[in-house]
Amino acid sequence: MPDWLVRTIKTFIQAFLGTLIPELCAVLNKGFPENWPAFWAVIAPFVAAALSAGICAAWNITNERLNGKE
């Protein structure tokens, strides 16, 4: 498995857990506004983690190519 992929997966897991914990606290404390869709509490951690992992992947791929480690 390429190094950039391993680092991207780790970033996804870290970002997912980092956003899931506050989301769970908000759900348990009924902290979401009433006009928000109910699925947002489930989708938000995945979206945040995917964005973080995507940025990480792009950065790592760029670094590997610039350093000649294709």
Protein backbone atom coordinates (compact mmCIF):
# COMPACT_ATOMS: atom_id res chain seq x y z
CA MET A 1 0.00 0.00 0.00
CA PRO A 2 1.46 3.40 -0.93
CA ASP A 3 2.62 5.60 1.93
CA TRP A 4 0.28 8.44 0.93
CA LEU A 5 -2.71 6.07 1.14
CA VAL A 6 -1.77 4.86 4.63
CA ARG A 7 -1.42 8.44 5.83
CA THR A 8 -4.74 9.37 4.23
CA ILE A 9 -6.56 6.52 5.95
CA LYS A 10 -5.05 7.53 9.28
CA THR A 11 -6.13 11.12 8.70
CA PHE A 12 -9.67 9.98 7.88
CA ILE A 13 -9.91 7.97 11.10
CA GLN A 14 -8.49 10.79 13.21
CA ALA A 15 -10.76 13.39 11.65
CA PHE A 16 -13.78 11.10 11.90
CA LEU A 17 -13.27 10.48 15.60
CA GLY A 18 -12.46 14.14 16.17
CA THR A 19 -15.78 15.20 14.68
CA LEU A 20 -17.86 12.26 15.86
CA ILE A 21 -17.32 12.94 19.56
CA PRO A 22 -18.66 16.54 19.47
CA GLU A 23 -21.51 15.41 17.21
CA LEU A 24 -22.49 12.73 19.70
CA CYS A 25 -22.42 15.27 22.51
CA ALA A 26 -24.67 17.58 20.51
CA VAL A 27 -27.10 14.78 19.72
CA LEU A 28 -27.23 13.53 23.29
CA ASN A 29 -27.81 17.04 24.61
CA LYS A 30 -30.34 17.89 21.90
CA GLY A 31 -27.99 20.63 20.73
CA PHE A 32 -28.99 20.79 17.06
CA PRO A 33 -31.41 23.48 15.91
CA GLU A 34 -34.89 22.21 15.15
CA ASN A 35 -34.75 23.21 11.49
CA TRP A 36 -31.70 21.01 10.74
CA PRO A 37 -32.38 17.67 9.07
CA ALA A 38 -32.00 14.70 11.41
CA PHE A 39 -29.50 12.93 9.15
CA TRP A 40 -27.02 15.82 9.49
CA ALA A 41 -25.86 14.42 12.83
CA VAL A 42 -24.92 11.19 11.07
CA ILE A 43 -23.53 12.71 7.87
CA ALA A 44 -21.45 15.56 9.33
CA PRO A 45 -18.59 13.43 10.74
CA PHE A 46 -18.24 11.57 7.44
CA VAL A 47 -18.17 14.80 5.44
CA ALA A 48 -15.60 16.42 7.74
CA ALA A 49 -13.40 13.31 7.76
CA ALA A 50 -13.64 12.87 4.00
CA LEU A 51 -12.64 16.49 3.40
CA SER A 52 -9.69 16.15 5.77
CA ALA A 53 -8.57 12.90 4.18
CA GLY A 54 -8.93 14.35 0.68
CA ILE A 55 -6.80 17.34 1.57
CA CYS A 56 -4.26 15.02 3.20
CA ALA A 57 -4.15 12.78 0.13
CA ALA A 58 -3.67 15.70 -2.24
CA TRP A 59 -0.92 17.12 -0.05
CA ASN A 60 0.89 13.79 0.32
CA ILE A 61 0.68 12.96 -3.39
CA THR A 62 2.02 16.41 -4.27
CA ASN A 63 4.88 16.04 -1.78
CA GLU A 64 5.82 12.62 -3.13
CA ARG A 65 5.83 13.85 -6.73
CA LEU A 66 7.81 16.98 -5.90
CA ASN A 67 10.38 14.90 -4.01
CA GLY A 68 10.61 12.37 -6.83
CA LYS A 69 9.27 9.42 -4.82
CA GLU A 70 6.63 8.31 -7.32
